[in-house]
């Protein structure tokens, strides 16, 4: 049996308030709970979450492990350009000799 007079008051219908609007009720030791974010306006739950790639980490990963995508196409283009320039320099060397 719990000791009397040592437990806080329990509010079974405490209001959760976000931006001045009651969004839900729950049990709590406080009659009102003010929050900034809840599942109704959080980007993860609303489906508006954006994946930010500010440092190019995805591209760097793709290049490092040789996976397909835009990074590989750019790498193939650079390789083709360098092979063309190598062939041209070999032709010039042959013409000079």
Protein backbone atom coordinates (compact mmCIF):
# COMPACT_ATOMS: atom_id res chain seq x y z
CA UNK A 1 0.00 0.00 0.00
CA UNK A 2 1.49 3.41 -0.98
CA UNK A 3 2.19 5.89 1.77
CA UNK A 4 -0.29 8.77 1.96
CA UNK A 5 0.71 12.39 1.31
CA UNK A 6 4.00 11.63 -0.54
CA UNK A 7 2.77 11.06 -4.09
CA UNK A 8 2.03 13.91 -6.53
CA UNK A 9 -1.49 14.59 -7.74
CA UNK A 10 -2.42 12.47 -10.75
CA UNK A 11 -4.36 14.11 -13.57
CA UNK A 12 -5.85 11.36 -15.77
CA UNK A 13 -6.96 13.84 -18.45
CA UNK A 14 -3.94 16.15 -18.72
CA UNK A 15 -4.00 18.26 -21.86
CA UNK A 16 -1.04 18.26 -24.27
CA UNK A 17 -0.85 21.69 -25.93
CA UNK A 18 1.16 22.51 -29.06
CA UNK A 19 1.08 26.06 -30.51
CA UNK A 20 -1.88 27.03 -28.30
CA UNK A 21 -3.98 24.09 -29.51
CA UNK A 22 -4.92 20.99 -27.51
CA UNK A 23 -3.60 18.05 -29.52
CA UNK A 24 -4.32 15.15 -27.17
CA UNK A 25 -4.97 14.15 -23.59
CA UNK A 26 -2.95 11.79 -21.45
CA UNK A 27 -2.29 10.96 -17.81
CA UNK A 28 0.28 13.11 -16.04
CA UNK A 29 1.27 14.74 -12.78
CA UNK A 30 0.76 18.15 -14.43
CA UNK A 31 -2.64 19.39 -15.65
CA UNK A 32 -1.19 20.87 -18.87
CA UNK A 33 1.88 19.91 -20.89
CA UNK A 34 3.19 22.43 -23.43
CA UNK A 35 5.23 20.94 -26.29
CA UNK A 36 6.86 22.33 -29.44
CA UNK A 37 6.76 19.15 -31.53
CA UNK A 38 4.41 16.20 -31.55
CA UNK A 39 3.65 13.41 -34.03
CA UNK A 40 1.09 15.56 -35.86
CA UNK A 41 3.63 18.17 -36.95
CA UNK A 42 6.94 16.28 -36.89
CA UNK A 43 8.42 15.79 -40.41
CA UNK A 44 9.13 12.09 -39.85
CA UNK A 45 5.49 11.29 -39.11
CA UNK A 46 3.95 13.68 -41.64
CA UNK A 47 6.07 12.36 -44.52
CA UNK A 48 7.69 15.70 -45.35
CA UNK A 49 11.16 14.70 -44.17
CA UNK A 50 14.00 15.63 -46.52
CA UNK A 51 17.29 13.82 -46.67
CA UNK A 52 20.03 16.42 -46.86
CA UNK A 53 23.31 15.53 -48.51
CA UNK A 54 25.22 18.72 -47.80
CA UNK A 55 28.69 17.23 -47.98
CA UNK A 56 28.21 14.90 -50.94
CA UNK A 57 28.49 11.85 -48.72
CA UNK A 58 26.28 9.70 -50.89
CA UNK A 59 28.28 10.48 -54.04
CA UNK A 60 31.55 9.89 -52.21
CA UNK A 61 30.27 6.52 -50.96
CA UNK A 62 29.14 5.53 -54.45
CA UNK A 63 32.55 6.43 -55.94
CA UNK A 64 34.49 4.72 -53.14
CA UNK A 65 32.69 1.41 -53.45
CA UNK A 66 32.20 1.49 -57.24
CA UNK A 67 28.43 1.45 -57.19
CA UNK A 68 26.30 2.72 -60.05
CA UNK A 69 24.72 6.12 -60.24
CA UNK A 70 25.68 9.61 -61.33
CA UNK A 71 29.15 9.38 -59.81
CA UNK A 72 30.06 6.35 -61.90
CA UNK A 73 28.87 7.96 -65.13
CA UNK A 74 31.05 11.00 -64.46
CA UNK A 75 34.00 8.72 -63.72
CA UNK A 76 33.49 6.83 -66.99
CA UNK A 77 33.37 10.12 -68.92
CA UNK A 78 36.64 11.27 -67.35
CA UNK A 79 38.26 7.94 -68.19
CA UNK A 80 37.08 8.19 -71.82
CA UNK A 81 38.42 11.76 -72.10
CA UNK A 82 41.79 10.77 -70.67
CA UNK A 83 42.09 7.77 -73.03
CA UNK A 84 41.32 10.05 -76.00
CA UNK A 85 44.01 12.51 -74.92
CA UNK A 86 46.49 9.63 -74.43
CA UNK A 87 45.79 8.38 -77.96
CA UNK A 88 46.24 11.88 -79.38
CA UNK A 89 49.57 12.36 -77.58
CA UNK A 90 50.80 8.98 -78.85
CA UNK A 91 49.88 9.97 -82.45
CA UNK A 92 51.74 13.28 -82.06
CA UNK A 93 54.79 11.48 -80.68
CA UNK A 94 54.73 9.05 -83.63
CA UNK A 95 54.44 11.97 -86.10
CA UNK A 96 57.41 13.77 -84.51
CA UNK A 97 59.62 10.70 -84.70
